[in-house]
Amino acid sequence: MLDVPIVDTSYDALPVFPLPNFVIFPQTMTRLHIFEPRYRLMASEALATQRLIVLVGLKSGWEADYYGSPPVHEIGSLCKIVNEERLEDGRYNLFVHCLARVELTTLHRLLPYRTASVTVRPDLPADAERLSEAADRLLSVVRGLMVKLGENATLLANVLASTKKPVILVNRLAAALVPDPADRQALLELTDPVARAEKLCDLAGDLLLNAEQPAMSLGAVDMSMVN
């Protein structure tokens, strides 16, 4: 995973890319397929400047005003475009890395797409011992899931091998394990890393206890999105 530094704690007029049923966690990556004209323009202008965009989920009821300005969550993700492909017809494939959780403090509609002023909302300081204990409980549950998944556990194995840092590991496991957008948004909004690890442990435990074949979105840590 790329180590991309966060330069500032607040940003003005960053392009906003809202998506239905979508959450990306810090220190994870995803692919985006950009085909709407307004978001092609967004991609072009982002690539020409800081390469930064804000990915944020649309709130319930977005279908009624998708081509306008449907409401978005107040908490989203600051992402950097780390690789791009422009197709012959003007569409883009983007590969983005999530730098941080952000609060969208002000939304602007001066362009075909929205922009926002955002403030980085880092995790609160955590007691190292409590965080380590919560992470260990989570790992125990995840390993149980891996046994149940058998040969389909490759993604989880890759996530476990990707880092030893508990906060990053919890974020990447959340990306891989949690399919429900509301649960993912709630995890993103938790600034207490211990509480986030414990909540994820509960969600993973439900998968282990209630499913013979867990219905997990195991491609979420590196998945294709469309607009």
C-alpha atoms as a PDB file:
ATOM      1  CA  MET A   1       0.000   0.000   0.000  1.00  0.00           C
ATOM      2  CA  LEU A   2       1.298   3.437  -0.883  1.00  0.00           C
ATOM      3  CA  ASP A   3       2.467   5.771   1.864  1.00  0.00           C
ATOM      4  CA  VAL A   4       0.997   9.071   0.659  1.00  0.00           C
ATOM      5  CA  PRO A   5       1.422  11.923   3.163  1.00  0.00           C
ATOM      6  CA  ILE A   6      -1.340  14.311   4.142  1.00  0.00           C
ATOM      7  CA  VAL A   7       0.010  17.807   3.632  1.00  0.00           C
ATOM      8  CA  ASP A   8      -2.774  19.919   5.168  1.00  0.00           C
ATOM      9  CA  THR A   9      -5.533  19.568   7.755  1.00  0.00           C
ATOM     10  CA  SER A  10      -8.068  21.459   5.653  1.00  0.00           C
ATOM     11  CA  TYR A  11      -8.681  21.946   1.941  1.00  0.00           C
ATOM     12  CA  ASP A  12     -10.831  24.331  -0.064  1.00  0.00           C
ATOM     13  CA  ALA A  13     -12.850  23.586  -3.184  1.00  0.00           C
ATOM     14  CA  LEU A  14     -11.866  19.960  -3.664  1.00  0.00           C
ATOM     15  CA  PRO A  15     -13.881  18.051  -6.289  1.00  0.00           C
ATOM     16  CA  VAL A  16     -16.547  15.793  -4.796  1.00  0.00           C
ATOM     17  CA  PHE A  17     -17.388  12.435  -6.334  1.00  0.00           C
ATOM     18  CA  PRO A  18     -20.581  11.125  -4.676  1.00  0.00           C
ATOM     19  CA  LEU A  19     -21.476   7.477  -5.106  1.00  0.00           C
ATOM     20  CA  PRO A  20     -24.459   5.409  -3.960  1.00  0.00           C
ATOM     21  CA  ASN A  21     -23.792   2.695  -1.381  1.00  0.00           C
ATOM     22  CA  PHE A  22     -20.119   3.569  -1.194  1.00  0.00           C
ATOM     23  CA  VAL A  23     -17.501   3.961   1.551  1.00  0.00           C
ATOM     24  CA  ILE A  24     -13.711   3.814   1.291  1.00  0.00           C
ATOM     25  CA  PHE A  25     -11.509   3.612   4.388  1.00  0.00           C
ATOM     26  CA  PRO A  26      -8.157   5.343   5.013  1.00  0.00           C
ATOM     27  CA  GLN A  27      -5.127   3.384   3.818  1.00  0.00           C
ATOM     28  CA  THR A  28      -7.127   1.381   1.290  1.00  0.00           C
ATOM     29  CA  MET A  29      -7.392   1.709  -2.471  1.00  0.00           C
ATOM     30  CA  THR A  30     -10.089   1.324  -5.079  1.00  0.00           C
ATOM     31  CA  ARG A  31     -10.625   1.626  -8.816  1.00  0.00           C
ATOM     32  CA  LEU A  32     -13.125   4.053 -10.295  1.00  0.00           C
ATOM     33  CA  HIS A  33     -14.654   4.071 -13.749  1.00  0.00           C
ATOM     34  CA  ILE A  34     -15.665   7.601 -14.761  1.00  0.00           C
ATOM     35  CA  PHE A  35     -18.100   7.991 -17.624  1.00  0.00           C
ATOM     36  CA  GLU A  36     -20.587  10.812 -16.870  1.00  0.00           C
ATOM     37  CA  PRO A  37     -19.547  14.062 -18.640  1.00  0.00           C
ATOM     38  CA  ARG A  38     -19.559  16.112 -15.421  1.00  0.00           C
ATOM     39  CA  TYR A  39     -17.272  13.623 -13.688  1.00  0.00           C
ATOM     40  CA  ARG A  40     -15.002  13.312 -16.722  1.00  0.00           C
ATOM     41  CA  LEU A  41     -14.467  17.046 -16.328  1.00  0.00           C
ATOM     42  CA  MET A  42     -13.883  16.527 -12.607  1.00  0.00           C
ATOM     43  CA  ALA A  43     -11.247  13.857 -13.298  1.00  0.00           C
ATOM     44  CA  SER A  44      -9.509  15.992 -15.905  1.00  0.00           C
ATOM     45  CA  GLU A  45      -9.292  19.008 -13.613  1.00  0.00           C
ATOM     46  CA  ALA A  46      -8.206  16.943 -10.597  1.00  0.00           C
ATOM     47  CA  LEU A  47      -5.414  15.355 -12.652  1.00  0.00           C
ATOM     48  CA  ALA A  48      -4.284  18.790 -13.778  1.00  0.00           C
ATOM     49  CA  THR A  49      -4.001  20.090 -10.199  1.00  0.00           C
ATOM     50  CA  GLN A  50      -3.487  18.284  -6.865  1.00  0.00           C
ATOM     51  CA  ARG A  51      -4.890  14.902  -8.025  1.00  0.00           C
ATOM     52  CA  LEU A  52      -7.152  15.015  -4.954  1.00  0.00           C
ATOM     53  CA  ILE A  53     -10.858  14.149  -4.849  1.00  0.00           C
ATOM     54  CA  VAL A  54     -13.360  13.575  -2.064  1.00  0.00           C
ATOM     55  CA  LEU A  55     -15.280  10.309  -2.291  1.00  0.00           C
ATOM     56  CA  VAL A  56     -18.496  10.323  -0.288  1.00  0.00           C
ATOM     57  CA  GLY A  57     -21.633   8.227  -0.085  1.00  0.00           C
ATOM     58  CA  LEU A  58     -25.042   9.486  -1.117  1.00  0.00           C
ATOM     59  CA  LYS A  59     -27.710   9.551   1.573  1.00  0.00           C
ATOM     60  CA  SER A  60     -30.905   7.545   1.319  1.00  0.00           C
ATOM     61  CA  GLY A  61     -33.304   8.853  -1.316  1.00  0.00           C
ATOM     62  CA  TRP A  62     -30.586   9.934  -3.730  1.00  0.00           C
ATOM     63  CA  GLU A  63     -32.413   8.328  -6.690  1.00  0.00           C
ATOM     64  CA  ALA A  64     -34.909  11.198  -6.923  1.00  0.00           C
ATOM     65  CA  ASP A  65     -32.208  13.786  -7.661  1.00  0.00           C
ATOM     66  CA  TYR A  66     -29.166  11.839  -8.872  1.00  0.00           C
ATOM     67  CA  TYR A  67     -28.492  14.166 -11.818  1.00  0.00           C
ATOM     68  CA  GLY A  68     -28.867  17.207  -9.585  1.00  0.00           C
ATOM     69  CA  SER A  69     -27.340  17.570  -6.133  1.00  0.00           C
ATOM     70  CA  PRO A  70     -28.654  14.770  -3.909  1.00  0.00           C
ATOM     71  CA  PRO A  71     -27.604  14.960  -0.248  1.00  0.00           C
ATOM     72  CA  VAL A  72     -24.340  13.323   0.764  1.00  0.00           C
ATOM     73  CA  HIS A  73     -22.951  12.195   4.096  1.00  0.00           C
ATOM     74  CA  GLU A  74     -21.080  14.766   6.149  1.00  0.00           C
ATOM     75  CA  ILE A  75     -18.139  12.388   6.547  1.00  0.00           C
ATOM     76  CA  GLY A  76     -16.274  11.186   3.473  1.00  0.00           C
ATOM     77  CA  SER A  77     -12.802  10.234   2.329  1.00  0.00           C
ATOM     78  CA  LEU A  78      -9.946  12.312   0.961  1.00  0.00           C
ATOM     79  CA  CYS A  79      -8.364  10.356  -1.883  1.00  0.00           C
ATOM     80  CA  LYS A  80      -5.385  10.841  -4.181  1.00  0.00           C
ATOM     81  CA  ILE A  81      -5.365   9.615  -7.769  1.00  0.00           C
ATOM     82  CA  VAL A  82      -2.240   7.465  -7.992  1.00  0.00           C
ATOM     83  CA  ASN A  83      -2.771   6.079 -11.488  1.00  0.00           C
ATOM     84  CA  GLU A  84      -5.068   6.882 -14.389  1.00  0.00           C
ATOM     85  CA  GLU A  85      -6.064   5.685 -17.825  1.00  0.00           C
ATOM     86  CA  ARG A  86      -7.933   7.930 -20.241  1.00  0.00           C
ATOM     87  CA  LEU A  87      -9.893   5.950 -22.795  1.00  0.00           C
ATOM     88  CA  GLU A  88     -10.375   7.013 -26.405  1.00  0.00           C
ATOM     89  CA  ASP A  89     -13.988   8.066 -25.835  1.00  0.00           C
ATOM     90  CA  GLY A  90     -13.065  10.339 -22.901  1.00  0.00           C
ATOM     91  CA  ARG A  91     -13.906   7.974 -20.057  1.00  0.00           C
ATOM     92  CA  TYR A  92     -11.372   7.426 -17.265  1.00  0.00           C
ATOM     93  CA  ASN A  93     -10.217   4.517 -15.184  1.00  0.00           C
ATOM     94  CA  LEU A  94      -8.736   5.864 -11.969  1.00  0.00           C
ATOM     95  CA  PHE A  95      -6.859   4.083  -9.200  1.00  0.00           C
ATOM     96  CA  VAL A  96      -7.159   6.036  -5.947  1.00  0.00           C
ATOM     97  CA  HIS A  97      -5.639   5.795  -2.487  1.00  0.00           C
ATOM     98  CA  CYS A  98      -7.622   7.004   0.530  1.00  0.00           C
ATOM     99  CA  LEU A  99      -5.522   9.375   2.630  1.00  0.00           C
ATOM    100  CA  ALA A 100      -7.882  10.298   5.449  1.00  0.00           C
ATOM    101  CA  ARG A 101     -11.377  10.673   6.824  1.00  0.00           C
ATOM    102  CA  VAL A 102     -12.718  14.174   6.214  1.00  0.00           C
ATOM    103  CA  GLU A 103     -15.722  16.261   7.191  1.00  0.00           C
ATOM    104  CA  LEU A 104     -17.370  18.136   4.356  1.00  0.00           C
ATOM    105  CA  THR A 105     -17.850  21.541   5.970  1.00  0.00           C
ATOM    106  CA  THR A 106     -19.151  23.471   2.950  1.00  0.00           C
ATOM    107  CA  LEU A 107     -20.504  22.247  -0.387  1.00  0.00           C
ATOM    108  CA  HIS A 108     -20.369  24.413  -3.502  1.00  0.00           C
ATOM    109  CA  ARG A 109     -22.215  24.018  -6.806  1.00  0.00           C
ATOM    110  CA  LEU A 110     -20.359  26.426  -9.091  1.00  0.00           C
ATOM    111  CA  LEU A 111     -19.266  23.805 -11.616  1.00  0.00           C
ATOM    112  CA  PRO A 112     -21.081  20.908 -13.324  1.00  0.00           C
ATOM    113  CA  TYR A 113     -19.874  18.835 -10.367  1.00  0.00           C
ATOM    114  CA  ARG A 114     -19.817  19.827  -6.711  1.00  0.00           C
ATOM    115  CA  THR A 115     -16.757  20.942  -4.774  1.00  0.00           C
ATOM    116  CA  ALA A 116     -16.314  21.101  -1.013  1.00  0.00           C
ATOM    117  CA  SER A 117     -14.267  22.612   1.736  1.00  0.00           C
ATOM    118  CA  VAL A 118     -13.141  19.734   3.935  1.00  0.00           C
ATOM    119  CA  THR A 119     -11.376  19.247   7.249  1.00  0.00           C
ATOM    120  CA  VAL A 120      -9.345  16.160   8.065  1.00  0.00           C
ATOM    121  CA  ARG A 121     -10.792  14.267  11.041  1.00  0.00           C
ATOM    122  CA  PRO A 122      -8.031  11.988  12.329  1.00  0.00           C
ATOM    123  CA  ASP A 123      -8.502   9.181  14.804  1.00  0.00           C
ATOM    124  CA  LEU A 124      -8.464  10.060  18.470  1.00  0.00           C
ATOM    125  CA  PRO A 125      -5.431   8.899  20.475  1.00  0.00           C
ATOM    126  CA  ALA A 126      -5.913   5.310  21.577  1.00  0.00           C
ATOM    127  CA  ASP A 127      -4.576   3.335  24.508  1.00  0.00           C
ATOM    128  CA  ALA A 128      -2.046   1.018  22.865  1.00  0.00           C
ATOM    129  CA  GLU A 129      -2.849  -1.952  25.114  1.00  0.00           C
ATOM    130  CA  ARG A 130      -6.621  -1.735  24.581  1.00  0.00           C
ATOM    131  CA  LEU A 131      -6.150  -1.327  20.838  1.00  0.00           C
ATOM    132  CA  SER A 132      -3.831  -4.320  20.681  1.00  0.00           C
ATOM    133  CA  GLU A 133      -6.309  -6.457  22.645  1.00  0.00           C
ATOM    134  CA  ALA A 134      -9.202  -5.429  20.381  1.00  0.00           C
ATOM    135  CA  ALA A 135      -7.122  -6.134  17.280  1.00  0.00           C
ATOM    136  CA  ASP A 136      -6.148  -9.567  18.624  1.00  0.00           C
ATOM    137  CA  ARG A 137      -9.819 -10.460  19.188  1.00  0.00           C
ATOM    138  CA  LEU A 138     -10.626  -9.329  15.674  1.00  0.00           C
ATOM    139  CA  LEU A 139      -7.780 -11.391  14.221  1.00  0.00           C
ATOM    140  CA  SER A 140      -9.037 -14.470  16.016  1.00  0.00           C
ATOM    141  CA  VAL A 141     -12.468 -14.084  14.424  1.00  0.00           C
ATOM    142  CA  VAL A 142     -10.993 -13.365  10.987  1.00  0.00           C
ATOM    143  CA  ARG A 143      -8.838 -16.469  11.130  1.00  0.00           C
ATOM    144  CA  GLY A 144     -11.977 -18.476  11.920  1.00  0.00           C
ATOM    145  CA  LEU A 145     -13.613 -17.003   8.833  1.00  0.00           C
ATOM    146  CA  MET A 146     -10.577 -17.900   6.759  1.00  0.00           C
ATOM    147  CA  VAL A 147     -10.901 -21.520   7.814  1.00  0.00           C
ATOM    148  CA  LYS A 148     -14.540 -21.491   6.725  1.00  0.00           C
ATOM    149  CA  LEU A 149     -13.707 -19.820   3.408  1.00  0.00           C
ATOM    150  CA  GLY A 150     -10.932 -22.248   2.575  1.00  0.00           C
ATOM    151  CA  GLU A 151      -9.381 -21.489  -0.796  1.00  0.00           C
ATOM    152  CA  ASN A 152     -11.533 -18.349  -1.105  1.00  0.00           C
ATOM    153  CA  ALA A 153      -9.684 -16.693   1.801  1.00  0.00           C
ATOM    154  CA  THR A 154      -6.845 -15.318  -0.352  1.00  0.00           C
ATOM    155  CA  LEU A 155      -7.905 -11.690  -0.039  1.00  0.00           C
ATOM    156  CA  LEU A 156      -8.123 -11.885   3.742  1.00  0.00           C
ATOM    157  CA  ALA A 157      -4.710 -13.547   3.866  1.00  0.00           C
ATOM    158  CA  ASN A 158      -3.312 -10.711   1.762  1.00  0.00           C
ATOM    159  CA  VAL A 159      -4.879  -8.113   4.051  1.00  0.00           C
ATOM    160  CA  LEU A 160      -3.407  -9.758   7.151  1.00  0.00           C
ATOM    161  CA  ALA A 161       0.020  -9.811   5.514  1.00  0.00           C
ATOM    162  CA  SER A 162      -0.174  -6.175   4.388  1.00  0.00           C
ATOM    163  CA  THR A 163       0.522  -4.453   7.724  1.00  0.00           C
ATOM    164  CA  LYS A 164       1.215  -4.983  11.406  1.00  0.00           C
ATOM    165  CA  LYS A 165      -0.247  -1.616  12.430  1.00  0.00           C
ATOM    166  CA  PRO A 166      -3.591  -2.228  14.209  1.00  0.00           C
ATOM    167  CA  VAL A 167      -5.382   0.913  12.964  1.00  0.00           C
ATOM    168  CA  ILE A 168      -4.487   0.295   9.328  1.00  0.00           C
ATOM    169  CA  LEU A 169      -5.259  -3.412   9.626  1.00  0.00           C
ATOM    170  CA  VAL A 170      -8.728  -2.692  11.042  1.00  0.00           C
ATOM    171  CA  ASN A 171      -9.473  -0.308   8.169  1.00  0.00           C
ATOM    172  CA  ARG A 172      -8.382  -2.814   5.534  1.00  0.00           C
ATOM    173  CA  LEU A 173     -10.320  -5.632   7.154  1.00  0.00           C
ATOM    174  CA  ALA A 174     -13.383  -3.402   7.305  1.00  0.00           C
ATOM    175  CA  ALA A 175     -13.012  -2.785   3.568  1.00  0.00           C
ATOM    176  CA  ALA A 176     -12.806  -6.505   2.894  1.00  0.00           C
ATOM    177  CA  LEU A 177     -15.388  -7.836   5.336  1.00  0.00           C
ATOM    178  CA  VAL A 178     -18.286  -5.391   5.578  1.00  0.00           C
ATOM    179  CA  PRO A 179     -20.692  -5.294   2.618  1.00  0.00           C
ATOM    180  CA  ASP A 180     -23.477  -3.168   4.124  1.00  0.00           C
ATOM    181  CA  PRO A 181     -23.050   0.532   3.234  1.00  0.00           C
ATOM    182  CA  ALA A 182     -24.647   1.729   6.489  1.00  0.00           C
ATOM    183  CA  ASP A 183     -22.273  -0.409   8.553  1.00  0.00           C
ATOM    184  CA  ARG A 184     -19.327   0.800   6.497  1.00  0.00           C
ATOM    185  CA  GLN A 185     -20.346   4.450   6.956  1.00  0.00           C
ATOM    186  CA  ALA A 186     -20.740   3.950  10.700  1.00  0.00           C
ATOM    187  CA  LEU A 187     -17.257   2.408  10.905  1.00  0.00           C
ATOM    188  CA  LEU A 188     -15.766   5.261   8.891  1.00  0.00           C
ATOM    189  CA  GLU A 189     -17.338   7.824  11.218  1.00  0.00           C
ATOM    190  CA  LEU A 190     -15.948   6.189  14.375  1.00  0.00           C
ATOM    191  CA  THR A 191     -12.894   8.226  15.386  1.00  0.00           C
ATOM    192  CA  ASP A 192     -12.074   5.933  18.324  1.00  0.00           C
ATOM    193  CA  PRO A 193      -9.911   3.170  16.806  1.00  0.00           C
ATOM    194  CA  VAL A 194     -10.642   0.799  19.709  1.00  0.00           C
ATOM    195  CA  ALA A 195     -14.399   1.219  19.240  1.00  0.00           C
ATOM    196  CA  ARG A 196     -13.969   0.677  15.490  1.00  0.00           C
ATOM    197  CA  ALA A 197     -12.010  -2.541  16.048  1.00  0.00           C
ATOM    198  CA  GLU A 198     -14.627  -3.788  18.526  1.00  0.00           C
ATOM    199  CA  LYS A 199     -17.515  -2.946  16.190  1.00  0.00           C
ATOM    200  CA  LEU A 200     -15.796  -4.706  13.304  1.00  0.00           C
ATOM    201  CA  CYS A 201     -15.156  -7.718  15.537  1.00  0.00           C
ATOM    202  CA  ASP A 202     -18.902  -7.890  16.267  1.00  0.00           C
ATOM    203  CA  LEU A 203     -19.763  -7.692  12.552  1.00  0.00           C
ATOM    204  CA  ALA A 204     -17.195 -10.333  11.641  1.00  0.00           C
ATOM    205  CA  GLY A 205     -18.441 -12.514  14.491  1.00  0.00           C
ATOM    206  CA  ASP A 206     -21.967 -12.354  13.102  1.00  0.00           C
ATOM    207  CA  LEU A 207     -20.659 -13.600   9.756  1.00  0.00           C
ATOM    208  CA  LEU A 208     -18.840 -16.459  11.433  1.00  0.00           C
ATOM    209  CA  LEU A 209     -21.776 -17.518  13.603  1.00  0.00           C
ATOM    210  CA  ASN A 210     -24.689 -17.082  11.219  1.00  0.00           C
ATOM    211  CA  ALA A 211     -23.450 -18.101   7.796  1.00  0.00           C
ATOM    212  CA  GLU A 212     -22.427 -21.503   6.532  1.00  0.00           C
ATOM    213  CA  GLN A 213     -20.882 -19.702   3.579  1.00  0.00           C
ATOM    214  CA  PRO A 214     -20.300 -16.090   4.656  1.00  0.00           C
ATOM    215  CA  ALA A 215     -21.723 -13.624   2.125  1.00  0.00           C
ATOM    216  CA  MET A 216     -18.814 -11.219   2.210  1.00  0.00           C
ATOM    217  CA  SER A 217     -17.853  -8.502  -0.228  1.00  0.00           C
ATOM    218  CA  LEU A 218     -14.277  -9.677  -0.361  1.00  0.00           C
ATOM    219  CA  GLY A 219     -13.444  -7.441  -3.308  1.00  0.00           C
ATOM    220  CA  ALA A 220     -14.277  -4.241  -1.457  1.00  0.00           C
ATOM    221  CA  VAL A 221     -10.670  -3.350  -0.677  1.00  0.00           C
ATOM    222  CA  ASP A 222      -9.932  -3.155  -4.395  1.00  0.00           C
ATOM    223  CA  MET A 223     -13.155  -2.922  -6.305  1.00  0.00           C
ATOM    224  CA  SER A 224     -14.400  -1.273  -9.470  1.00  0.00           C
ATOM    225  CA  MET A 225     -16.885   1.535  -9.032  1.00  0.00           C
ATOM    226  CA  VAL A 226     -19.052   3.209 -11.655  1.00  0.00           C
ATOM    227  CA  ASN A 227     -20.681   6.621 -11.627  1.00  0.00           C
END
